[in-house]
Every structure is written in structure tokens, then in C-alpha cells.
Amino acid sequence: MSVTKDDVGDLTIVKVDGDLSGVNAEELRTVAQECLRDGRRDFLVDLANTNSCDSAGLEALTWLHRQCAEQLGL
């Protein structure tokens, strides 16, 4: 699996290729944490090339959603 990011204006596009599961979900969190530390808070997660997602992957996605909501004060 690979996680890449691209900043387009205020939006950060995070692309996940392969499986989003187990320890691989941690790579998504790491990339997102770096972006959040840099003040980024608008994300689009591209799962078009993701083969599968287990509970760890879903947890990473919901974690990112919560982090963004906190940044916005929701």
C-alpha cells in the first residue's frame, strides 16, 4: 500500500493505493497528522485504487474525520 498526498489550494488530497488495513492504516494517520500540524484541515481521501478496507482502516478514516471536525470547532 502507498499513501500519497497532494495539496490543491486549501484542499489536501490523500490517495490510498492497495489495502487500507492493519499497520498500513497507520501510514494514513502519519500523513494526515503531518498535514494537520501544518494547519491543513480540508481533506479528500481518494480510495479509487483501494482494494479493501478493514476495521483498522475504517478507524483511521473516522479518526481523520474527528480531527478535522475538532479543527473547525464542531
N, C-alpha and C. Protein backbone atom coordinates (compact mmCIF):
# COMPACT_ATOMS: atom_id res chain seq x y z
N MET A 1 0.83 -1.17 0.00
CA MET A 1 0.00 0.00 0.00
C MET A 1 0.88 1.23 0.00
N SER A 2 0.37 2.26 -0.62
CA SER A 2 1.07 3.54 -0.55
C SER A 2 0.05 4.64 -0.32
N VAL A 3 0.49 5.63 0.42
CA VAL A 3 -0.34 6.80 0.69
C VAL A 3 0.44 8.00 0.18
N THR A 4 -0.19 8.75 -0.71
CA THR A 4 0.43 9.97 -1.22
C THR A 4 -0.52 11.12 -0.98
N LYS A 5 0.04 12.32 -0.96
CA LYS A 5 -0.79 13.50 -0.76
C LYS A 5 -0.42 14.56 -1.78
N ASP A 6 -1.40 15.38 -2.08
CA ASP A 6 -1.21 16.50 -3.00
C ASP A 6 -2.06 17.65 -2.49
N ASP A 7 -1.46 18.81 -2.34
CA ASP A 7 -2.19 19.99 -1.89
C ASP A 7 -2.67 20.78 -3.10
N VAL A 8 -3.96 21.03 -3.14
CA VAL A 8 -4.58 21.81 -4.20
C VAL A 8 -5.33 22.95 -3.53
N GLY A 9 -4.72 24.11 -3.49
CA GLY A 9 -5.30 25.22 -2.75
C GLY A 9 -5.38 24.86 -1.28
N ASP A 10 -6.57 25.01 -0.69
CA ASP A 10 -6.76 24.68 0.72
C ASP A 10 -7.07 23.20 0.93
N LEU A 11 -7.24 22.46 -0.13
CA LEU A 11 -7.63 21.05 -0.06
C LEU A 11 -6.40 20.14 -0.13
N THR A 12 -6.36 19.14 0.74
CA THR A 12 -5.33 18.11 0.68
C THR A 12 -5.97 16.83 0.18
N ILE A 13 -5.47 16.33 -0.94
CA ILE A 13 -5.97 15.08 -1.49
C ILE A 13 -5.02 13.97 -1.05
N VAL A 14 -5.57 13.00 -0.33
CA VAL A 14 -4.80 11.85 0.15
C VAL A 14 -5.24 10.65 -0.67
N LYS A 15 -4.31 10.05 -1.39
CA LYS A 15 -4.62 8.92 -2.26
C LYS A 15 -4.08 7.64 -1.62
N VAL A 16 -4.95 6.65 -1.50
CA VAL A 16 -4.58 5.36 -0.90
C VAL A 16 -4.61 4.31 -2.00
N ASP A 17 -3.47 3.68 -2.26
CA ASP A 17 -3.38 2.60 -3.24
C ASP A 17 -3.15 1.29 -2.50
N GLY A 18 -3.91 0.26 -2.85
CA GLY A 18 -3.76 -1.05 -2.22
C GLY A 18 -4.74 -1.22 -1.08
N ASP A 19 -4.38 -2.03 -0.11
CA ASP A 19 -5.26 -2.31 1.04
C ASP A 19 -5.09 -1.26 2.12
N LEU A 20 -6.19 -0.90 2.73
CA LEU A 20 -6.16 0.01 3.88
C LEU A 20 -6.54 -0.84 5.09
N SER A 21 -5.50 -1.45 5.69
CA SER A 21 -5.75 -2.38 6.78
C SER A 21 -4.55 -2.45 7.71
N GLY A 22 -4.83 -2.87 8.95
CA GLY A 22 -3.77 -3.13 9.93
C GLY A 22 -2.77 -2.01 10.04
N VAL A 23 -1.49 -2.37 9.98
CA VAL A 23 -0.42 -1.39 10.15
C VAL A 23 -0.39 -0.39 9.00
N ASN A 24 -0.94 -0.76 7.84
CA ASN A 24 -0.96 0.17 6.71
C ASN A 24 -1.84 1.39 6.99
N ALA A 25 -2.86 1.21 7.81
CA ALA A 25 -3.71 2.33 8.18
C ALA A 25 -2.92 3.37 8.96
N GLU A 26 -1.88 2.94 9.63
CA GLU A 26 -1.03 3.85 10.40
C GLU A 26 -0.32 4.84 9.47
N GLU A 27 0.01 4.42 8.26
CA GLU A 27 0.65 5.32 7.30
C GLU A 27 -0.31 6.46 6.93
N LEU A 28 -1.58 6.14 6.80
CA LEU A 28 -2.57 7.18 6.52
C LEU A 28 -2.62 8.18 7.67
N ARG A 29 -2.63 7.68 8.89
CA ARG A 29 -2.64 8.58 10.06
C ARG A 29 -1.41 9.47 10.11
N THR A 30 -0.25 8.89 9.81
CA THR A 30 1.00 9.65 9.85
C THR A 30 0.98 10.79 8.84
N VAL A 31 0.55 10.50 7.62
CA VAL A 31 0.46 11.53 6.59
C VAL A 31 -0.52 12.61 7.01
N ALA A 32 -1.67 12.20 7.53
CA ALA A 32 -2.70 13.15 7.95
C ALA A 32 -2.22 14.00 9.13
N GLN A 33 -1.52 13.39 10.08
CA GLN A 33 -1.01 14.15 11.23
C GLN A 33 -0.05 15.23 10.79
N GLU A 34 0.82 14.92 9.84
CA GLU A 34 1.76 15.92 9.32
C GLU A 34 1.00 17.09 8.69
N CYS A 35 -0.03 16.77 7.93
CA CYS A 35 -0.84 17.82 7.30
C CYS A 35 -1.57 18.66 8.34
N LEU A 36 -2.14 18.01 9.33
CA LEU A 36 -2.86 18.73 10.39
C LEU A 36 -1.92 19.65 11.16
N ARG A 37 -0.69 19.19 11.42
CA ARG A 37 0.30 20.03 12.11
C ARG A 37 0.65 21.26 11.29
N ASP A 38 0.56 21.12 9.96
CA ASP A 38 0.86 22.25 9.07
C ASP A 38 -0.35 23.17 8.88
N GLY A 39 -1.44 22.88 9.61
CA GLY A 39 -2.63 23.73 9.53
C GLY A 39 -3.63 23.33 8.47
N ARG A 40 -3.39 22.21 7.81
CA ARG A 40 -4.33 21.72 6.80
C ARG A 40 -5.52 21.09 7.51
N ARG A 41 -6.73 21.35 7.01
CA ARG A 41 -7.89 20.76 7.66
C ARG A 41 -8.97 20.31 6.70
N ASP A 42 -8.77 20.53 5.41
CA ASP A 42 -9.72 20.10 4.40
C ASP A 42 -9.11 18.96 3.60
N PHE A 43 -9.70 17.78 3.71
CA PHE A 43 -9.16 16.58 3.09
C PHE A 43 -10.16 15.94 2.15
N LEU A 44 -9.66 15.36 1.10
CA LEU A 44 -10.41 14.46 0.24
C LEU A 44 -9.59 13.18 0.21
N VAL A 45 -10.17 12.07 0.63
CA VAL A 45 -9.46 10.79 0.64
C VAL A 45 -9.90 10.02 -0.59
N ASP A 46 -8.96 9.80 -1.50
CA ASP A 46 -9.22 9.09 -2.75
C ASP A 46 -8.99 7.60 -2.54
N LEU A 47 -10.07 6.83 -2.54
CA LEU A 47 -10.00 5.38 -2.35
C LEU A 47 -10.25 4.62 -3.65
N ALA A 48 -10.14 5.29 -4.79
CA ALA A 48 -10.44 4.66 -6.08
C ALA A 48 -9.56 3.44 -6.35
N ASN A 49 -8.33 3.46 -5.88
CA ASN A 49 -7.40 2.34 -6.11
C ASN A 49 -7.17 1.51 -4.85
N THR A 50 -8.12 1.58 -3.91
CA THR A 50 -8.03 0.81 -2.68
C THR A 50 -8.77 -0.50 -2.87
N ASN A 51 -8.08 -1.61 -2.62
CA ASN A 51 -8.66 -2.94 -2.83
C ASN A 51 -9.60 -3.35 -1.71
N SER A 52 -9.22 -3.07 -0.47
CA SER A 52 -10.03 -3.46 0.67
C SER A 52 -9.73 -2.54 1.85
N CYS A 53 -10.66 -2.53 2.79
CA CYS A 53 -10.52 -1.71 3.99
C CYS A 53 -11.09 -2.49 5.16
N ASP A 54 -10.27 -2.74 6.18
CA ASP A 54 -10.76 -3.47 7.35
C ASP A 54 -11.09 -2.48 8.47
N SER A 55 -11.35 -2.99 9.65
CA SER A 55 -11.75 -2.13 10.76
C SER A 55 -10.67 -1.12 11.13
N ALA A 56 -9.40 -1.48 11.00
CA ALA A 56 -8.32 -0.53 11.30
C ALA A 56 -8.33 0.61 10.28
N GLY A 57 -8.61 0.29 9.03
CA GLY A 57 -8.71 1.32 8.01
C GLY A 57 -9.87 2.25 8.25
N LEU A 58 -11.01 1.67 8.62
CA LEU A 58 -12.18 2.49 8.93
C LEU A 58 -11.93 3.37 10.15
N GLU A 59 -11.22 2.82 11.12
CA GLU A 59 -10.88 3.60 12.31
C GLU A 59 -9.99 4.79 11.94
N ALA A 60 -9.03 4.58 11.05
CA ALA A 60 -8.15 5.67 10.62
C ALA A 60 -8.95 6.75 9.90
N LEU A 61 -9.91 6.35 9.08
CA LEU A 61 -10.74 7.33 8.37
C LEU A 61 -11.63 8.11 9.32
N THR A 62 -12.22 7.43 10.31
CA THR A 62 -13.07 8.14 11.27
C THR A 62 -12.22 9.03 12.19
N TRP A 63 -11.01 8.59 12.49
CA TRP A 63 -10.09 9.42 13.27
C TRP A 63 -9.82 10.72 12.52
N LEU A 64 -9.54 10.63 11.21
CA LEU A 64 -9.27 11.82 10.41
C LEU A 64 -10.50 12.73 10.39
N HIS A 65 -11.66 12.16 10.27
CA HIS A 65 -12.89 12.95 10.29
C HIS A 65 -13.03 13.71 11.60
N ARG A 66 -12.79 13.04 12.72
CA ARG A 66 -12.88 13.68 14.04
C ARG A 66 -11.85 14.81 14.17
N GLN A 67 -10.64 14.57 13.70
CA GLN A 67 -9.60 15.59 13.79
C GLN A 67 -9.98 16.84 13.00
N CYS A 68 -10.53 16.64 11.82
CA CYS A 68 -10.95 17.78 11.01
C CYS A 68 -12.09 18.54 11.68
N ALA A 69 -13.03 17.82 12.25
CA ALA A 69 -14.15 18.44 12.95
C ALA A 69 -13.65 19.26 14.13
N GLU A 70 -12.69 18.74 14.87
CA GLU A 70 -12.13 19.48 16.01
C GLU A 70 -11.43 20.75 15.55
N GLN A 71 -10.74 20.68 14.41
CA GLN A 71 -10.06 21.86 13.87
C GLN A 71 -11.05 22.96 13.53
N LEU A 72 -12.25 22.54 13.12
CA LEU A 72 -13.28 23.50 12.75
C LEU A 72 -14.12 23.94 13.95
N GLY A 73 -13.91 23.29 15.08
CA GLY A 73 -14.65 23.65 16.27
C GLY A 73 -16.06 23.06 16.31
N LEU A 74 -16.28 21.99 15.57
CA LEU A 74 -17.61 21.37 15.54
C LEU A 74 -17.78 20.40 16.67
